[in-house]
């Protein structure tokens, strides 16, 4: 595998960010984007052991909900 994609959401109520890898049981959270980037790398390091090849590219896909009213 060469790429892994994380879906990132901002918590509008409490602040901070959550991220989960699409297709994998990898989840993490942080207060800032800088911390989130570090936490994602750490989560990947923990998930992929020596018998598994880690991804070479990590993509962060930011999801934002918009609510429109009339």
C-alpha atoms as a PDB file:
ATOM      1  CA  UNK A   1       0.000   0.000   0.000  1.00  0.00           C
ATOM      2  CA  UNK A   2       1.361   3.402  -0.847  1.00  0.00           C
ATOM      3  CA  UNK A   3      -1.404   5.793   0.314  1.00  0.00           C
ATOM      4  CA  UNK A   4      -3.723   6.024   3.309  1.00  0.00           C
ATOM      5  CA  UNK A   5      -6.524   8.588   3.597  1.00  0.00           C
ATOM      6  CA  UNK A   6      -7.749  10.064   6.866  1.00  0.00           C
ATOM      7  CA  UNK A   7     -11.106  11.799   7.092  1.00  0.00           C
ATOM      8  CA  UNK A   8     -10.666  14.850   9.330  1.00  0.00           C
ATOM      9  CA  UNK A   9     -13.494  16.687  11.059  1.00  0.00           C
ATOM     10  CA  UNK A  10     -13.365  19.788  13.211  1.00  0.00           C
ATOM     11  CA  UNK A  11     -15.397  19.669  16.418  1.00  0.00           C
ATOM     12  CA  UNK A  12     -17.312  22.937  16.218  1.00  0.00           C
ATOM     13  CA  UNK A  13     -18.723  22.620  19.736  1.00  0.00           C
ATOM     14  CA  UNK A  14     -15.676  21.615  21.789  1.00  0.00           C
ATOM     15  CA  UNK A  15     -12.905  22.593  19.362  1.00  0.00           C
ATOM     16  CA  UNK A  16     -10.130  20.353  18.141  1.00  0.00           C
ATOM     17  CA  UNK A  17     -10.048  17.744  15.396  1.00  0.00           C
ATOM     18  CA  UNK A  18     -10.762  14.047  14.956  1.00  0.00           C
ATOM     19  CA  UNK A  19      -9.357  11.826  12.211  1.00  0.00           C
ATOM     20  CA  UNK A  20     -10.049   8.271  11.126  1.00  0.00           C
ATOM     21  CA  UNK A  21      -8.438   6.239   8.377  1.00  0.00           C
ATOM     22  CA  UNK A  22     -10.741   5.050   5.620  1.00  0.00           C
ATOM     23  CA  UNK A  23     -10.747   1.262   5.554  1.00  0.00           C
ATOM     24  CA  UNK A  24      -8.654   0.855   8.714  1.00  0.00           C
ATOM     25  CA  UNK A  25      -9.345   0.919  12.436  1.00  0.00           C
ATOM     26  CA  UNK A  26      -7.094   3.916  13.018  1.00  0.00           C
ATOM     27  CA  UNK A  27      -8.552   6.864  14.925  1.00  0.00           C
ATOM     28  CA  UNK A  28      -6.973   9.846  16.649  1.00  0.00           C
ATOM     29  CA  UNK A  29      -7.749  13.345  17.867  1.00  0.00           C
ATOM     30  CA  UNK A  30      -5.950  16.568  18.779  1.00  0.00           C
ATOM     31  CA  UNK A  31      -6.542  20.183  19.730  1.00  0.00           C
ATOM     32  CA  UNK A  32      -4.672  21.765  16.794  1.00  0.00           C
ATOM     33  CA  UNK A  33      -3.871  20.817  13.208  1.00  0.00           C
ATOM     34  CA  UNK A  34      -0.170  20.654  14.018  1.00  0.00           C
ATOM     35  CA  UNK A  35      -0.849  18.208  16.865  1.00  0.00           C
ATOM     36  CA  UNK A  36      -3.227  16.218  14.653  1.00  0.00           C
ATOM     37  CA  UNK A  37      -0.573  15.732  11.984  1.00  0.00           C
ATOM     38  CA  UNK A  38       1.819  14.375  14.620  1.00  0.00           C
ATOM     39  CA  UNK A  39      -0.890  12.149  16.141  1.00  0.00           C
ATOM     40  CA  UNK A  40      -1.791  10.696  12.714  1.00  0.00           C
ATOM     41  CA  UNK A  41       1.847   9.766  12.098  1.00  0.00           C
ATOM     42  CA  UNK A  42       2.090   8.202  15.558  1.00  0.00           C
ATOM     43  CA  UNK A  43      -1.148   6.252  15.042  1.00  0.00           C
ATOM     44  CA  UNK A  44       0.152   4.845  11.746  1.00  0.00           C
ATOM     45  CA  UNK A  45       3.418   3.876  13.410  1.00  0.00           C
ATOM     46  CA  UNK A  46       1.498   1.997  16.122  1.00  0.00           C
ATOM     47  CA  UNK A  47      -0.941   0.309  13.723  1.00  0.00           C
ATOM     48  CA  UNK A  48       1.551  -1.023  11.168  1.00  0.00           C
ATOM     49  CA  UNK A  49       3.996  -3.417  12.839  1.00  0.00           C
ATOM     50  CA  UNK A  50       7.199  -4.885  11.399  1.00  0.00           C
ATOM     51  CA  UNK A  51       5.292  -7.493   9.371  1.00  0.00           C
ATOM     52  CA  UNK A  52       3.207  -4.832   7.570  1.00  0.00           C
ATOM     53  CA  UNK A  53       4.492  -2.197   5.195  1.00  0.00           C
ATOM     54  CA  UNK A  54       3.295   1.275   6.246  1.00  0.00           C
ATOM     55  CA  UNK A  55       1.894   3.693   3.660  1.00  0.00           C
ATOM     56  CA  UNK A  56       4.316   6.040   1.970  1.00  0.00           C
ATOM     57  CA  UNK A  57       1.754   8.849   1.575  1.00  0.00           C
ATOM     58  CA  UNK A  58      -0.721  10.077   4.191  1.00  0.00           C
ATOM     59  CA  UNK A  59      -3.620  12.176   2.922  1.00  0.00           C
ATOM     60  CA  UNK A  60      -5.808  14.256   5.199  1.00  0.00           C
ATOM     61  CA  UNK A  61      -9.262  14.800   3.731  1.00  0.00           C
ATOM     62  CA  UNK A  62     -11.032  17.640   5.555  1.00  0.00           C
ATOM     63  CA  UNK A  63     -14.796  17.262   5.829  1.00  0.00           C
ATOM     64  CA  UNK A  64     -16.910  20.240   6.715  1.00  0.00           C
ATOM     65  CA  UNK A  65     -20.645  20.255   7.235  1.00  0.00           C
ATOM     66  CA  UNK A  66     -22.562  23.330   6.159  1.00  0.00           C
ATOM     67  CA  UNK A  67     -26.090  24.009   7.242  1.00  0.00           C
ATOM     68  CA  UNK A  68     -28.164  26.358   5.144  1.00  0.00           C
ATOM     69  CA  UNK A  69     -31.461  27.853   6.221  1.00  0.00           C
ATOM     70  CA  UNK A  70     -34.021  29.811   4.301  1.00  0.00           C
END
